[in-house]
C-alpha cells in the first residue's frame, strides 16, 4: 500500500527534478525522507514546487511572446518600426483622420553606389546613423519606420502652424553635413524626401498616404537632396460622381490630376 502511494508521488518528483535541474534537489524531498514524512505533506511540497515551475515557465513564455512581437514589428538593424509596425500604428492612431496627418518617405541618394564602393557592412552603418539623425528631427506623436532597403517612412498627426517642409529641409541639411562624418568618409551623403499632408476630418488608407508621398518622392529624386510635398485640394477634384479619394488613387485619376497641377506643390 505504501509503495502504491509513493510511486506516483516519486514520479512527479522525478519529472519536476528533470525539468528544474540539479539545483532544485536541495529543496525537494530526498529518498530518505519517505519513511519520515507523511505522504500528504510530501505531495504538498511537490505541488508547491510544481506551481513555482509552472509560474516560471509562464513568465518565460510571456517574455518570449513579447520578444517575438517586438521583433515582428521592428527593424533589427535600426531598431525602428518596420512596415508591419507602421501599419499597426497607423490603424491604431491615424486612420480616423480627425486631424491633419503627414506621411513622408525618405530615400538615401545613390545608396547602391555607397554599398558598391564601401561594402554592405558600411552601408548598414549608414542606415543606422541616418535613423539616429532622422529620429532627432521627428515631431511628437509620429511613427518613424524603415520599410525596406534605404527607404524610411514617417507618419503622424502634424502640429498646427508648422510646415512639414521646414522640418524635412532641416533634416536634409543635417544629413548632408553630419552623416558622412559619422561614418568617416569624405563624400557627403544626401537623402531625398517626398511627403503628403492630409486635410483634417478626412479618412485615408495607409496605402493612399504611401502612394501620394511616393509621387512626391519621385519628383524629389529628379534633383536629389530635395524635399517635395503634395497637399490635396479637394475642391479641384471632381468627386460629384461619388468617387472617393481611394477610387481616384486606384484608377490613376489622382496621378493625372497631379500632372495637371490640381494638387498644390509646396
C-alpha atoms as a PDB file:
ATOM      1  CA  UNK A   1       0.000   0.000   0.000  1.00  0.00           C
ATOM      2  CA  UNK A   2       2.799   2.366   0.951  1.00  0.00           C
ATOM      3  CA  UNK A   3       4.619   1.645  -2.318  1.00  0.00           C
ATOM      4  CA  UNK A   4       1.449   2.267  -4.323  1.00  0.00           C
ATOM      5  CA  UNK A   5       1.086   5.717  -2.744  1.00  0.00           C
ATOM      6  CA  UNK A   6       4.735   6.585  -3.042  1.00  0.00           C
ATOM      7  CA  UNK A   7       5.203   5.525  -6.694  1.00  0.00           C
ATOM      8  CA  UNK A   8       3.123   8.323  -8.363  1.00  0.00           C
ATOM      9  CA  UNK A   9       4.482  10.915  -5.965  1.00  0.00           C
ATOM     10  CA  UNK A  10       8.005   9.821  -6.754  1.00  0.00           C
ATOM     11  CA  UNK A  11       7.227  10.042 -10.457  1.00  0.00           C
ATOM     12  CA  UNK A  12       6.045  13.631 -10.022  1.00  0.00           C
ATOM     13  CA  UNK A  13       9.221  14.388  -8.125  1.00  0.00           C
ATOM     14  CA  UNK A  14      11.412  12.910 -10.854  1.00  0.00           C
ATOM     15  CA  UNK A  15       9.598  14.872 -13.548  1.00  0.00           C
ATOM     16  CA  UNK A  16       9.996  18.117 -11.668  1.00  0.00           C
ATOM     17  CA  UNK A  17      13.654  17.448 -10.918  1.00  0.00           C
ATOM     18  CA  UNK A  18      14.297  16.646 -14.551  1.00  0.00           C
ATOM     19  CA  UNK A  19      12.716  19.948 -15.555  1.00  0.00           C
ATOM     20  CA  UNK A  20      14.269  22.270 -12.970  1.00  0.00           C
ATOM     21  CA  UNK A  21      17.724  20.652 -12.898  1.00  0.00           C
ATOM     22  CA  UNK A  22      20.163  19.631 -10.162  1.00  0.00           C
ATOM     23  CA  UNK A  23      19.997  22.964  -8.330  1.00  0.00           C
ATOM     24  CA  UNK A  24      16.481  22.186  -7.209  1.00  0.00           C
ATOM     25  CA  UNK A  25      17.471  18.940  -5.498  1.00  0.00           C
ATOM     26  CA  UNK A  26      18.236  20.701  -2.230  1.00  0.00           C
ATOM     27  CA  UNK A  27      14.684  21.994  -1.941  1.00  0.00           C
ATOM     28  CA  UNK A  28      12.994  18.777  -2.917  1.00  0.00           C
ATOM     29  CA  UNK A  29      12.245  15.759  -0.785  1.00  0.00           C
ATOM     30  CA  UNK A  30      15.076  13.221  -0.774  1.00  0.00           C
ATOM     31  CA  UNK A  31      14.731   9.446  -0.817  1.00  0.00           C
ATOM     32  CA  UNK A  32      15.396   9.048   2.901  1.00  0.00           C
ATOM     33  CA  UNK A  33      12.530  11.369   3.692  1.00  0.00           C
ATOM     34  CA  UNK A  34       9.896   8.899   2.554  1.00  0.00           C
ATOM     35  CA  UNK A  35       9.919   6.987   5.815  1.00  0.00           C
ATOM     36  CA  UNK A  36       9.923  10.192   7.862  1.00  0.00           C
ATOM     37  CA  UNK A  37       7.291  12.355   6.163  1.00  0.00           C
ATOM     38  CA  UNK A  38       3.620  11.944   5.750  1.00  0.00           C
ATOM     39  CA  UNK A  39       2.747  11.287   2.106  1.00  0.00           C
ATOM     40  CA  UNK A  40       0.263  14.160   2.007  1.00  0.00           C
ATOM     41  CA  UNK A  41       2.839  16.596   3.308  1.00  0.00           C
ATOM     42  CA  UNK A  42       5.276  15.345   0.702  1.00  0.00           C
ATOM     43  CA  UNK A  43       2.685  15.781  -2.022  1.00  0.00           C
ATOM     44  CA  UNK A  44       2.031  19.341  -0.829  1.00  0.00           C
ATOM     45  CA  UNK A  45       5.732  20.184  -1.052  1.00  0.00           C
ATOM     46  CA  UNK A  46       5.940  18.741  -4.530  1.00  0.00           C
ATOM     47  CA  UNK A  47       2.803  20.619  -5.588  1.00  0.00           C
ATOM     48  CA  UNK A  48       4.278  23.892  -4.379  1.00  0.00           C
ATOM     49  CA  UNK A  49       7.442  23.244  -6.372  1.00  0.00           C
ATOM     50  CA  UNK A  50       5.384  22.319  -9.410  1.00  0.00           C
ATOM     51  CA  UNK A  51       3.428  25.576  -9.086  1.00  0.00           C
ATOM     52  CA  UNK A  52       6.686  27.531  -8.957  1.00  0.00           C
ATOM     53  CA  UNK A  53       7.912  25.691 -12.021  1.00  0.00           C
ATOM     54  CA  UNK A  54       4.693  26.424 -13.907  1.00  0.00           C
ATOM     55  CA  UNK A  55       4.815  30.090 -12.919  1.00  0.00           C
ATOM     56  CA  UNK A  56       8.435  30.328 -14.064  1.00  0.00           C
ATOM     57  CA  UNK A  57       7.560  28.651 -17.354  1.00  0.00           C
ATOM     58  CA  UNK A  58       4.673  31.051 -17.892  1.00  0.00           C
ATOM     59  CA  UNK A  59       6.958  34.032 -17.289  1.00  0.00           C
ATOM     60  CA  UNK A  60       9.426  32.649 -19.820  1.00  0.00           C
ATOM     61  CA  UNK A  61       6.652  32.110 -22.361  1.00  0.00           C
ATOM     62  CA  UNK A  62       5.351  35.652 -21.847  1.00  0.00           C
ATOM     63  CA  UNK A  63       8.857  37.039 -22.285  1.00  0.00           C
ATOM     64  CA  UNK A  64       9.369  35.008 -25.451  1.00  0.00           C
ATOM     65  CA  UNK A  65       5.985  36.161 -26.770  1.00  0.00           C
ATOM     66  CA  UNK A  66       6.805  39.819 -26.052  1.00  0.00           C
ATOM     67  CA  UNK A  67      10.229  39.468 -27.684  1.00  0.00           C
ATOM     68  CA  UNK A  68       8.692  37.813 -30.730  1.00  0.00           C
ATOM     69  CA  UNK A  69       6.062  40.538 -31.012  1.00  0.00           C
ATOM     70  CA  UNK A  70       8.716  43.248 -30.725  1.00  0.00           C
ATOM     71  CA  UNK A  71      10.879  41.583 -33.369  1.00  0.00           C
ATOM     72  CA  UNK A  72       7.913  41.173 -35.701  1.00  0.00           C
ATOM     73  CA  UNK A  73       7.178  44.923 -35.551  1.00  0.00           C
ATOM     74  CA  UNK A  74      10.721  46.336 -35.596  1.00  0.00           C
ATOM     75  CA  UNK A  75      13.637  46.509 -37.995  1.00  0.00           C
ATOM     76  CA  UNK A  76      16.550  44.574 -36.443  1.00  0.00           C
ATOM     77  CA  UNK A  77      19.210  46.859 -37.980  1.00  0.00           C
ATOM     78  CA  UNK A  78      17.986  50.284 -36.909  1.00  0.00           C
ATOM     79  CA  UNK A  79      15.558  49.443 -34.106  1.00  0.00           C
ATOM     80  CA  UNK A  80      12.853  51.480 -35.849  1.00  0.00           C
ATOM     81  CA  UNK A  81       9.465  50.011 -36.587  1.00  0.00           C
ATOM     82  CA  UNK A  82       9.165  48.022 -39.803  1.00  0.00           C
ATOM     83  CA  UNK A  83       6.343  48.134 -42.354  1.00  0.00           C
ATOM     84  CA  UNK A  84       4.154  45.887 -40.214  1.00  0.00           C
ATOM     85  CA  UNK A  85       4.747  48.046 -37.149  1.00  0.00           C
ATOM     86  CA  UNK A  86       3.960  51.166 -39.143  1.00  0.00           C
ATOM     87  CA  UNK A  87       0.687  49.690 -40.376  1.00  0.00           C
ATOM     88  CA  UNK A  88      -0.292  48.736 -36.843  1.00  0.00           C
ATOM     89  CA  UNK A  89       0.476  52.230 -35.555  1.00  0.00           C
ATOM     90  CA  UNK A  90      -1.448  53.779 -38.432  1.00  0.00           C
ATOM     91  CA  UNK A  91      -4.572  51.700 -37.779  1.00  0.00           C
ATOM     92  CA  UNK A  92      -4.412  52.411 -34.059  1.00  0.00           C
ATOM     93  CA  UNK A  93      -3.788  56.164 -34.198  1.00  0.00           C
ATOM     94  CA  UNK A  94      -4.029  57.813 -37.592  1.00  0.00           C
ATOM     95  CA  UNK A  95      -6.661  56.086 -39.732  1.00  0.00           C
ATOM     96  CA  UNK A  96      -9.601  58.117 -38.373  1.00  0.00           C
ATOM     97  CA  UNK A  97      -8.229  61.288 -39.944  1.00  0.00           C
ATOM     98  CA  UNK A  98      -9.512  63.587 -37.189  1.00  0.00           C
ATOM     99  CA  UNK A  99      -6.547  65.936 -37.615  1.00  0.00           C
ATOM    100  CA  UNK A 100      -4.093  66.589 -40.468  1.00  0.00           C
ATOM    101  CA  UNK A 101      -1.707  63.681 -40.891  1.00  0.00           C
ATOM    102  CA  UNK A 102       1.635  63.878 -42.639  1.00  0.00           C
ATOM    103  CA  UNK A 103       3.273  60.961 -44.438  1.00  0.00           C
ATOM    104  CA  UNK A 104       6.847  61.374 -45.658  1.00  0.00           C
ATOM    105  CA  UNK A 105       9.146  58.950 -47.454  1.00  0.00           C
ATOM    106  CA  UNK A 106      12.928  59.345 -47.279  1.00  0.00           C
ATOM    107  CA  UNK A 107      15.238  57.639 -49.736  1.00  0.00           C
ATOM    108  CA  UNK A 108      19.034  57.829 -49.437  1.00  0.00           C
ATOM    109  CA  UNK A 109      20.560  59.141 -52.651  1.00  0.00           C
ATOM    110  CA  UNK A 110      22.962  56.891 -54.595  1.00  0.00           C
ATOM    111  CA  UNK A 111      22.886  54.315 -51.808  1.00  0.00           C
ATOM    112  CA  UNK A 112      23.748  51.469 -54.183  1.00  0.00           C
ATOM    113  CA  UNK A 113      26.960  53.306 -55.065  1.00  0.00           C
ATOM    114  CA  UNK A 114      27.770  53.593 -51.359  1.00  0.00           C
ATOM    115  CA  UNK A 115      27.290  49.830 -50.947  1.00  0.00           C
ATOM    116  CA  UNK A 116      29.307  49.027 -54.060  1.00  0.00           C
ATOM    117  CA  UNK A 117      32.161  51.317 -53.001  1.00  0.00           C
ATOM    118  CA  UNK A 118      32.441  50.585 -49.298  1.00  0.00           C
ATOM    119  CA  UNK A 119      30.616  47.273 -48.818  1.00  0.00           C
ATOM    120  CA  UNK A 120      27.315  46.233 -47.290  1.00  0.00           C
ATOM    121  CA  UNK A 121      28.556  46.371 -43.688  1.00  0.00           C
ATOM    122  CA  UNK A 122      29.419  50.016 -44.235  1.00  0.00           C
ATOM    123  CA  UNK A 123      26.010  50.519 -45.849  1.00  0.00           C
ATOM    124  CA  UNK A 124      24.404  49.143 -42.699  1.00  0.00           C
ATOM    125  CA  UNK A 125      26.309  51.733 -40.653  1.00  0.00           C
ATOM    126  CA  UNK A 126      24.990  54.477 -42.908  1.00  0.00           C
ATOM    127  CA  UNK A 127      21.411  53.270 -42.434  1.00  0.00           C
ATOM    128  CA  UNK A 128      21.775  53.125 -38.654  1.00  0.00           C
ATOM    129  CA  UNK A 129      23.304  56.594 -38.463  1.00  0.00           C
ATOM    130  CA  UNK A 130      20.630  58.035 -40.722  1.00  0.00           C
ATOM    131  CA  UNK A 131      17.968  56.520 -38.462  1.00  0.00           C
ATOM    132  CA  UNK A 132      19.545  58.270 -35.461  1.00  0.00           C
ATOM    133  CA  UNK A 133      19.737  61.642 -37.201  1.00  0.00           C
ATOM    134  CA  UNK A 134      16.201  61.330 -38.545  1.00  0.00           C
ATOM    135  CA  UNK A 135      14.870  60.448 -35.090  1.00  0.00           C
ATOM    136  CA  UNK A 136      16.282  63.717 -33.761  1.00  0.00           C
ATOM    137  CA  UNK A 137      14.182  65.692 -36.243  1.00  0.00           C
ATOM    138  CA  UNK A 138      10.829  63.949 -35.866  1.00  0.00           C
ATOM    139  CA  UNK A 139       7.891  65.553 -34.094  1.00  0.00           C
ATOM    140  CA  UNK A 140       5.984  64.248 -31.070  1.00  0.00           C
ATOM    141  CA  UNK A 141       3.361  61.631 -31.848  1.00  0.00           C
ATOM    142  CA  UNK A 142       4.748  60.464 -35.184  1.00  0.00           C
ATOM    143  CA  UNK A 143       5.983  56.978 -36.084  1.00  0.00           C
ATOM    144  CA  UNK A 144       9.304  56.632 -37.910  1.00  0.00           C
ATOM    145  CA  UNK A 145       9.983  53.341 -39.645  1.00  0.00           C
ATOM    146  CA  UNK A 146      12.347  51.617 -42.022  1.00  0.00           C
ATOM    147  CA  UNK A 147      10.182  49.928 -44.622  1.00  0.00           C
ATOM    148  CA  UNK A 148      12.968  48.283 -46.604  1.00  0.00           C
ATOM    149  CA  UNK A 149      16.400  48.908 -48.096  1.00  0.00           C
ATOM    150  CA  UNK A 150      17.316  52.583 -47.893  1.00  0.00           C
ATOM    151  CA  UNK A 151      13.691  53.728 -47.590  1.00  0.00           C
ATOM    152  CA  UNK A 152      12.276  55.234 -44.408  1.00  0.00           C
ATOM    153  CA  UNK A 153       8.718  56.401 -43.753  1.00  0.00           C
ATOM    154  CA  UNK A 154       7.231  58.661 -41.097  1.00  0.00           C
ATOM    155  CA  UNK A 155       3.503  59.062 -40.451  1.00  0.00           C
ATOM    156  CA  UNK A 156       1.849  61.121 -37.759  1.00  0.00           C
ATOM    157  CA  UNK A 157      -0.627  63.890 -36.944  1.00  0.00           C
ATOM    158  CA  UNK A 158       1.118  67.118 -37.797  1.00  0.00           C
ATOM    159  CA  UNK A 159       1.373  70.080 -35.392  1.00  0.00           C
ATOM    160  CA  UNK A 160      -0.680  73.139 -36.292  1.00  0.00           C
ATOM    161  CA  UNK A 161       1.081  76.272 -37.518  1.00  0.00           C
ATOM    162  CA  UNK A 162       4.158  74.328 -38.602  1.00  0.00           C
ATOM    163  CA  UNK A 163       5.395  73.451 -42.062  1.00  0.00           C
ATOM    164  CA  UNK A 164       6.437  69.864 -42.829  1.00  0.00           C
ATOM    165  CA  UNK A 165       8.766  71.265 -45.467  1.00  0.00           C
ATOM    166  CA  UNK A 166      10.729  73.203 -42.834  1.00  0.00           C
ATOM    167  CA  UNK A 167      11.213  70.111 -40.669  1.00  0.00           C
ATOM    168  CA  UNK A 168      12.289  67.928 -43.571  1.00  0.00           C
ATOM    169  CA  UNK A 169      14.614  70.585 -45.038  1.00  0.00           C
ATOM    170  CA  UNK A 170      16.295  70.784 -41.641  1.00  0.00           C
ATOM    171  CA  UNK A 171      16.720  67.008 -41.646  1.00  0.00           C
ATOM    172  CA  UNK A 172      18.226  67.013 -45.147  1.00  0.00           C
ATOM    173  CA  UNK A 173      20.718  69.684 -44.106  1.00  0.00           C
ATOM    174  CA  UNK A 174      21.733  67.703 -41.019  1.00  0.00           C
ATOM    175  CA  UNK A 175      22.167  64.523 -43.066  1.00  0.00           C
ATOM    176  CA  UNK A 176      24.317  66.271 -45.679  1.00  0.00           C
ATOM    177  CA  UNK A 177      26.502  67.887 -43.033  1.00  0.00           C
ATOM    178  CA  UNK A 178      26.813  65.127 -40.457  1.00  0.00           C
ATOM    179  CA  UNK A 179      26.144  61.673 -41.881  1.00  0.00           C
ATOM    180  CA  UNK A 180      29.409  61.284 -43.808  1.00  0.00           C
ATOM    181  CA  UNK A 181      31.335  62.490 -40.749  1.00  0.00           C
ATOM    182  CA  UNK A 182      29.686  59.888 -38.534  1.00  0.00           C
ATOM    183  CA  UNK A 183      30.702  57.076 -40.862  1.00  0.00           C
ATOM    184  CA  UNK A 184      34.099  58.677 -41.618  1.00  0.00           C
ATOM    185  CA  UNK A 185      34.108  59.198 -45.373  1.00  0.00           C
ATOM    186  CA  UNK A 186      34.940  62.417 -47.250  1.00  0.00           C
ATOM    187  CA  UNK A 187      31.921  62.496 -49.585  1.00  0.00           C
ATOM    188  CA  UNK A 188      28.645  63.898 -48.321  1.00  0.00           C
ATOM    189  CA  UNK A 189      25.674  61.518 -48.219  1.00  0.00           C
ATOM    190  CA  UNK A 190      22.308  63.024 -49.056  1.00  0.00           C
ATOM    191  CA  UNK A 191      18.653  61.998 -48.917  1.00  0.00           C
ATOM    192  CA  UNK A 192      15.519  62.897 -50.855  1.00  0.00           C
ATOM    193  CA  UNK A 193      12.088  63.372 -49.304  1.00  0.00           C
ATOM    194  CA  UNK A 194       8.546  63.316 -50.622  1.00  0.00           C
ATOM    195  CA  UNK A 195       5.584  63.984 -48.364  1.00  0.00           C
ATOM    196  CA  UNK A 196       1.826  64.391 -48.301  1.00  0.00           C
ATOM    197  CA  UNK A 197      -0.157  66.388 -45.739  1.00  0.00           C
ATOM    198  CA  UNK A 198      -3.811  65.445 -45.463  1.00  0.00           C
ATOM    199  CA  UNK A 199      -6.752  67.656 -44.742  1.00  0.00           C
ATOM    200  CA  UNK A 200      -8.456  67.231 -41.333  1.00  0.00           C
ATOM    201  CA  UNK A 201     -11.623  65.183 -40.988  1.00  0.00           C
ATOM    202  CA  UNK A 202     -10.654  63.050 -43.997  1.00  0.00           C
ATOM    203  CA  UNK A 203     -10.122  59.301 -43.769  1.00  0.00           C
ATOM    204  CA  UNK A 204      -7.375  57.564 -45.725  1.00  0.00           C
ATOM    205  CA  UNK A 205      -5.920  54.122 -46.098  1.00  0.00           C
ATOM    206  CA  UNK A 206      -2.230  53.886 -45.339  1.00  0.00           C
ATOM    207  CA  UNK A 207      -1.634  52.772 -48.913  1.00  0.00           C
ATOM    208  CA  UNK A 208      -3.154  56.061 -50.081  1.00  0.00           C
ATOM    209  CA  UNK A 209      -0.734  58.047 -47.960  1.00  0.00           C
ATOM    210  CA  UNK A 210       2.187  55.994 -49.214  1.00  0.00           C
ATOM    211  CA  UNK A 211       1.262  56.405 -52.860  1.00  0.00           C
ATOM    212  CA  UNK A 212       0.796  60.156 -52.550  1.00  0.00           C
ATOM    213  CA  UNK A 213       4.089  60.596 -50.695  1.00  0.00           C
ATOM    214  CA  UNK A 214       5.781  58.325 -53.230  1.00  0.00           C
ATOM    215  CA  UNK A 215       4.565  60.557 -56.068  1.00  0.00           C
ATOM    216  CA  UNK A 216       6.228  63.494 -54.328  1.00  0.00           C
ATOM    217  CA  UNK A 217       9.385  61.461 -53.746  1.00  0.00           C
ATOM    218  CA  UNK A 218       9.542  60.669 -57.450  1.00  0.00           C
ATOM    219  CA  UNK A 219       9.859  64.397 -58.160  1.00  0.00           C
ATOM    220  CA  UNK A 220      12.383  64.846 -55.343  1.00  0.00           C
ATOM    221  CA  UNK A 221      14.626  62.121 -56.756  1.00  0.00           C
ATOM    222  CA  UNK A 222      14.958  64.027 -60.050  1.00  0.00           C
ATOM    223  CA  UNK A 223      17.183  66.655 -58.438  1.00  0.00           C
ATOM    224  CA  UNK A 224      18.045  64.622 -55.298  1.00  0.00           C
ATOM    225  CA  UNK A 225      18.835  66.093 -51.884  1.00  0.00           C
ATOM    226  CA  UNK A 226      15.499  67.887 -52.039  1.00  0.00           C
ATOM    227  CA  UNK A 227      12.042  67.981 -50.467  1.00  0.00           C
ATOM    228  CA  UNK A 228       8.802  67.870 -52.452  1.00  0.00           C
ATOM    229  CA  UNK A 229       5.377  67.980 -50.808  1.00  0.00           C
ATOM    230  CA  UNK A 230       1.863  67.447 -52.116  1.00  0.00           C
ATOM    231  CA  UNK A 231      -1.236  68.869 -50.488  1.00  0.00           C
ATOM    232  CA  UNK A 232      -4.621  67.800 -51.666  1.00  0.00           C
ATOM    233  CA  UNK A 233      -7.019  70.437 -52.941  1.00  0.00           C
ATOM    234  CA  UNK A 234     -10.337  68.642 -52.768  1.00  0.00           C
ATOM    235  CA  UNK A 235     -12.231  71.444 -54.498  1.00  0.00           C
ATOM    236  CA  UNK A 236     -10.173  70.855 -57.646  1.00  0.00           C
ATOM    237  CA  UNK A 237     -11.017  67.163 -57.805  1.00  0.00           C
ATOM    238  CA  UNK A 238     -14.251  66.070 -59.417  1.00  0.00           C
ATOM    239  CA  UNK A 239     -15.966  63.889 -56.824  1.00  0.00           C
ATOM    240  CA  UNK A 240     -19.517  64.585 -57.985  1.00  0.00           C
ATOM    241  CA  UNK A 241     -19.905  61.034 -59.287  1.00  0.00           C
ATOM    242  CA  UNK A 242     -19.467  59.670 -55.788  1.00  0.00           C
ATOM    243  CA  UNK A 243     -15.850  58.572 -56.269  1.00  0.00           C
ATOM    244  CA  UNK A 244     -13.746  58.507 -53.158  1.00  0.00           C
ATOM    245  CA  UNK A 245     -10.124  59.541 -52.871  1.00  0.00           C
ATOM    246  CA  UNK A 246      -9.229  55.862 -52.744  1.00  0.00           C
ATOM    247  CA  UNK A 247     -11.130  55.326 -56.028  1.00  0.00           C
ATOM    248  CA  UNK A 248      -9.158  58.110 -57.658  1.00  0.00           C
ATOM    249  CA  UNK A 249      -5.885  56.685 -56.446  1.00  0.00           C
ATOM    250  CA  UNK A 250      -6.658  53.177 -57.649  1.00  0.00           C
ATOM    251  CA  UNK A 251      -7.890  54.364 -61.057  1.00  0.00           C
ATOM    252  CA  UNK A 252      -4.898  56.618 -61.670  1.00  0.00           C
ATOM    253  CA  UNK A 253      -7.096  59.697 -61.910  1.00  0.00           C
ATOM    254  CA  UNK A 254      -5.358  61.291 -58.967  1.00  0.00           C
ATOM    255  CA  UNK A 255      -1.974  60.881 -60.652  1.00  0.00           C
ATOM    256  CA  UNK A 256      -3.375  62.610 -63.736  1.00  0.00           C
ATOM    257  CA  UNK A 257      -4.717  65.380 -61.508  1.00  0.00           C
ATOM    258  CA  UNK A 258      -1.259  65.853 -60.041  1.00  0.00           C
ATOM    259  CA  UNK A 259       0.255  66.164 -63.510  1.00  0.00           C
ATOM    260  CA  UNK A 260      -2.386  68.811 -64.297  1.00  0.00           C
ATOM    261  CA  UNK A 261      -1.397  70.778 -61.170  1.00  0.00           C
ATOM    262  CA  UNK A 262      -4.658  70.045 -59.371  1.00  0.00           C
ATOM    263  CA  UNK A 263      -2.585  69.165 -56.331  1.00  0.00           C
ATOM    264  CA  UNK A 264      -0.538  72.016 -54.945  1.00  0.00           C
ATOM    265  CA  UNK A 265       3.194  71.634 -54.554  1.00  0.00           C
ATOM    266  CA  UNK A 266       4.831  73.430 -51.646  1.00  0.00           C
END
